[in-house]
Protein backbone atom coordinates (compact mmCIF):
# COMPACT_ATOMS: atom_id res chain seq x y z
CA MET A 1 -1.07 1.10 8.02
CA ASP A 2 0.48 3.70 10.42
CA GLN A 3 0.74 7.34 9.46
CA SER A 4 3.73 8.02 7.22
CA THR A 5 6.58 10.23 8.39
CA VAL A 6 8.44 12.61 6.10
CA LEU A 7 11.91 13.74 7.14
CA ILE A 8 12.66 17.32 6.04
CA ILE A 9 16.37 18.14 5.96
CA SER A 10 17.03 21.84 5.54
CA ASP A 11 19.07 24.69 6.95
CA GLU A 12 16.33 27.16 6.02
CA ALA A 13 13.25 27.51 8.21
CA GLU A 14 11.34 28.96 5.25
CA PHE A 15 11.88 25.78 3.24
CA SER A 16 10.52 23.51 5.96
CA SER A 17 7.60 25.84 6.61
CA ALA A 18 6.74 25.97 2.90
CA VAL A 19 6.72 22.17 2.57
CA THR A 20 4.65 21.50 5.70
CA GLY A 21 2.28 24.37 4.92
CA ARG A 22 1.65 23.20 1.37
CA TRP A 23 1.00 19.63 2.51
CA GLN A 24 -1.81 20.78 4.81
CA ALA A 25 -3.95 21.31 1.72
CA GLU A 26 -3.84 17.56 0.94
CA ARG A 27 -6.34 14.96 2.15
CA SER A 28 -3.61 12.77 3.61
CA VAL A 29 -1.03 14.66 5.67
CA PRO A 30 2.00 12.76 7.04
CA SER A 31 3.82 13.59 10.22
CA PHE A 32 7.03 15.56 9.82
CA THR A 33 10.49 15.44 11.36
CA LEU A 34 12.65 18.52 10.82
CA MET A 35 16.45 18.31 10.85
CA ARG A 36 19.40 20.50 9.88
CA GLY A 37 21.80 19.22 7.27
CA ASP A 38 24.76 18.95 9.64
CA LEU A 39 22.79 16.85 12.15
CA CYS A 40 21.55 14.01 9.95
CA GLN A 41 24.27 11.48 10.74
CA ASP A 42 23.53 7.90 11.84
CA LEU A 43 19.85 8.20 10.93
CA ASP A 44 17.50 5.52 12.18
CA PRO A 45 15.70 4.24 9.02
CA GLU A 46 12.70 3.21 11.13
CA THR A 47 11.91 6.82 12.06
CA PHE A 48 10.88 8.04 8.59
CA ASP A 49 9.35 6.78 5.35
CA ALA A 50 10.64 9.39 2.89
CA ALA A 51 12.93 12.41 2.97
CA ILE A 52 12.93 15.77 1.24
CA VAL A 53 16.15 17.76 1.15
CA GLY A 54 16.39 21.45 0.28
CA GLY A 55 18.06 24.64 1.39
CA VAL A 56 21.12 22.71 2.60
CA ARG A 57 24.57 24.31 2.38
CA ALA A 58 26.63 23.05 -0.56
CA ARG A 59 29.42 21.65 1.60
CA ILE A 60 26.93 19.78 3.81
CA LEU A 61 24.68 18.41 1.05
CA PRO A 62 26.88 15.41 0.02
CA LYS A 63 27.14 14.26 3.65
CA ALA A 64 23.39 14.60 4.14
CA LEU A 65 22.60 12.56 1.04
CA HIS A 66 25.22 9.97 1.97
CA ALA A 67 23.63 9.61 5.43
CA LEU A 68 20.25 8.92 3.84
CA GLU A 69 21.43 6.19 1.47
CA PRO A 70 21.63 3.24 3.93
CA ALA A 71 17.96 3.71 4.87
CA GLY A 72 16.83 2.82 1.35
CA LYS A 73 13.90 5.24 1.64
CA PRO A 74 12.73 7.62 -1.13
CA VAL A 75 14.79 10.83 -1.14
CA LEU A 76 13.78 13.97 -3.03
CA LEU A 77 16.29 16.78 -3.44
CA ILE A 78 15.06 20.28 -4.23
CA CYS A 79 17.82 22.43 -5.73
CA ASP A 80 18.31 25.28 -8.19
CA ASP A 81 22.07 24.82 -8.68
CA SER A 82 22.67 23.05 -12.01
CA GLN A 83 26.18 21.95 -11.03
CA ALA A 84 24.99 20.51 -7.73
CA LEU A 85 22.13 18.71 -9.47
CA ARG A 86 24.54 17.10 -11.90
CA LYS A 87 26.81 15.88 -9.11
CA VAL A 88 23.86 14.43 -7.22
CA ARG A 89 22.69 12.49 -10.25
CA GLU A 90 26.20 11.08 -10.72
CA ARG A 91 26.95 10.20 -7.09
CA HIS A 92 23.48 9.47 -5.73
CA PRO A 93 21.51 7.89 -8.59
CA ARG A 94 18.80 6.63 -6.24
CA SER A 95 17.93 10.15 -5.09
CA LEU A 96 15.22 11.97 -7.02
CA VAL A 97 16.03 15.52 -8.10
CA LEU A 98 13.60 18.37 -8.63
CA ARG A 99 14.67 21.83 -9.78
CA GLN A 100 13.50 24.58 -7.46
CA SER A 101 11.54 26.56 -10.02
CA GLU A 102 7.94 27.74 -10.22
CA GLY A 103 5.51 25.06 -9.08
CA TRP A 104 8.15 22.97 -7.32
CA LEU A 105 6.11 22.73 -4.11
CA ASP A 106 3.10 21.20 -5.85
CA ALA A 107 5.33 18.82 -7.78
CA ALA A 108 7.26 17.79 -4.65
CA VAL A 109 4.13 17.08 -2.61
CA LEU A 110 2.53 15.15 -5.47
CA LEU A 111 5.65 13.08 -6.09
CA LEU A 112 6.27 12.22 -2.45
CA THR A 113 2.59 11.43 -1.92
CA GLU A 114 2.71 8.91 -4.75
CA LEU A 115 5.97 7.45 -3.46
CA LEU A 116 4.52 7.01 0.02
CA ARG A 117 1.37 5.47 -1.42
CA GLY A 118 3.51 3.04 -3.39
CA ARG A 119 5.50 2.06 -0.30
CA ASP A 120 2.27 1.57 1.62
CA THR A 121 0.94 -0.69 -1.15
CA LEU A 122 4.15 -2.73 -1.17
CA ALA A 123 4.04 -3.05 2.62
CA ARG A 124 0.44 -4.27 2.46
CA LEU A 125 1.38 -6.75 -0.27
CA ALA A 126 4.31 -8.09 1.76
CA HIS A 127 2.03 -8.48 4.80
CA ALA A 128 -0.57 -10.29 2.70
CA GLU A 129 2.10 -12.62 1.31
CA ARG A 130 3.31 -13.46 4.83
CA GLU A 131 -0.26 -14.09 5.96
CA ASN A 132 -0.87 -16.29 2.91
CA ALA A 133 2.29 -18.30 3.56
CA PHE A 134 1.23 -18.79 7.20
CA LEU A 135 -2.25 -19.92 6.16
CA GLN A 136 -0.78 -22.34 3.63
CA ARG A 137 1.39 -23.90 6.34
CA GLN A 138 -1.61 -24.15 8.63
CA ALA A 139 -3.69 -25.69 5.84
CA ALA A 140 -0.96 -28.25 5.13
CA LEU A 141 -0.81 -29.18 8.81
CA GLY A 142 -4.60 -29.39 9.01
CA GLY A 143 -4.70 -31.55 5.88
CA TYR A 144 -2.15 -33.92 7.36
CA MET A 145 -4.12 -34.16 10.59
CA LEU A 146 -7.30 -34.99 8.68
CA GLU A 147 -5.50 -37.64 6.65
CA MET A 148 -3.98 -39.27 9.74
CA ARG A 149 -6.97 -39.04 12.05
CA HIS A 150 -8.28 -42.52 11.14
CA THR A 151 -4.89 -44.14 11.78
CA LEU A 152 -4.50 -42.22 15.03
CA ASN A 153 -8.06 -43.03 16.08
CA ASN A 154 -7.47 -46.75 15.48
CA SER A 155 -4.34 -46.62 17.62
CA LEU A 156 -6.19 -44.82 20.37
CA THR A 157 -9.02 -47.37 20.23
CA SER A 158 -6.47 -50.13 20.78
CA VAL A 159 -4.86 -48.32 23.72
CA LEU A 160 -8.25 -47.51 25.23
CA GLY A 161 -9.55 -51.07 24.80
CA ASN A 162 -6.49 -52.66 26.34
CA SER A 163 -6.48 -50.26 29.28
CA GLU A 164 -10.13 -51.09 29.93
CA LEU A 165 -9.31 -54.81 29.87
CA LEU A 166 -6.48 -54.35 32.34
CA LEU A 167 -8.71 -52.42 34.71
CA LEU A 168 -11.21 -55.32 34.69
CA GLU A 169 -8.60 -57.58 36.25
CA ALA A 170 -9.38 -56.80 39.88
CA GLY A 171 -6.45 -57.33 42.24
CA ALA A 172 -3.99 -58.01 39.43
CA PHE A 173 -2.18 -54.69 39.92
CA SER A 174 -1.16 -52.48 42.77
CA ALA A 175 -3.09 -49.28 43.50
CA GLU A 176 -0.29 -47.20 41.93
CA THR A 177 -0.27 -49.27 38.73
CA ARG A 178 -4.07 -49.13 38.44
CA SER A 179 -3.90 -45.34 38.83
CA GLN A 180 -1.40 -45.18 35.95
CA ILE A 181 -3.61 -47.39 33.75
CA GLU A 182 -6.60 -45.17 34.54
CA THR A 183 -4.58 -42.13 33.48
CA ILE A 184 -3.77 -43.84 30.17
CA ARG A 185 -7.45 -44.64 29.65
CA ASN A 186 -8.60 -41.12 30.53
CA MET A 187 -6.02 -39.43 28.28
CA SER A 188 -6.97 -41.80 25.45
CA LEU A 189 -10.60 -40.80 25.87
CA ARG A 190 -9.64 -37.14 25.77
CA MET A 191 -7.60 -37.57 22.59
CA HIS A 192 -10.47 -39.54 21.05
CA GLU A 193 -12.83 -36.62 21.78
CA ILE A 194 -10.40 -34.23 20.09
CA LEU A 195 -10.28 -36.41 16.99
CA GLN A 196 -14.06 -36.57 16.94
CA ARG A 197 -14.09 -32.78 16.97
CA PHE A 198 -11.77 -32.82 13.95
CA SER A 199 -14.29 -34.96 12.10
CA SER A 200 -17.14 -32.63 13.08
CA LEU A 201 -15.17 -29.59 11.90
CA GLU A 202 -14.46 -31.26 8.58
CA LYS A 203 -18.18 -31.94 8.06
CA GLU A 204 -19.04 -28.35 9.00
CA MET A 205 -16.46 -27.01 6.55
CA ARG A 206 -17.86 -29.17 3.77
CA VAL A 207 -21.36 -27.84 4.45
CA VAL A 208 -20.06 -24.26 4.30
CA GLU A 209 -18.18 -24.95 1.07
CA LYS A 210 -21.29 -26.41 -0.55
CA GLN A 211 -23.38 -23.44 0.60
CA GLU A 212 -20.81 -20.97 -0.78
CA ALA A 213 -20.70 -22.89 -4.06
CA ARG A 214 -24.50 -22.74 -4.37
CA GLU A 215 -24.51 -19.01 -3.61
CA THR A 216 -21.77 -18.35 -6.16
CA SER A 217 -23.62 -20.37 -8.77
CA ALA A 218 -26.86 -18.47 -8.04
CA LYS A 219 -25.09 -15.12 -8.40
CA ARG A 220 -23.62 -16.17 -11.73
CA ARG A 221 -27.01 -17.27 -13.03
CA SER A 222 -28.55 -14.01 -11.82
CA ALA A 223 -25.82 -11.98 -13.50
CA ALA A 224 -26.19 -13.94 -16.72
CA ALA A 225 -29.98 -13.46 -16.71
CA GLY A 226 -29.59 -9.71 -16.21
CA ARG A 227 -27.46 -9.22 -19.32
């Protein structure tokens, strides 16, 4: 996955510096976007993965939190005002609140790191589910093609055979008509070759499946013998 981006909303340069500086001690460091509280209107949710808010003026804080809500991203508020914390919990229940007391930096970095890791895991899971759904559709289509290849091959054999018979009737058709019949024959041959390749692929897949089954069985026996 791409590097995560943390949006830091603060009116205090010291707050932003403390957060970014503390995060440098971690193994995984996200990229940061810094923004003042009065500028975070009409935020693009695609530009950040989580937000941390702190050191924002009391009159600006509700607007900043309101602007973050539509994005649906994790939001962590750092605050030491008990009244403000209570209002945030009431009006913005989805925002996480952390009191700005001793050790808040470590707690904030740890919490946001886990939140970002969780979002990354969910994104990977969603991608895997989409890939699995695509493969299932492809498998269903491939299964249908394998089931119908005999019927289609029989139809092609009939078309090919009749076109060959028509071409044997010298002088029975104009040059233009003979050219069209030859095209039908040639395209039938090409489709027949494709169907033959389907059959070859099916045989190859069966050989691979049998080989994998033998290897799995051998590993199980080896594991059982080693107990």
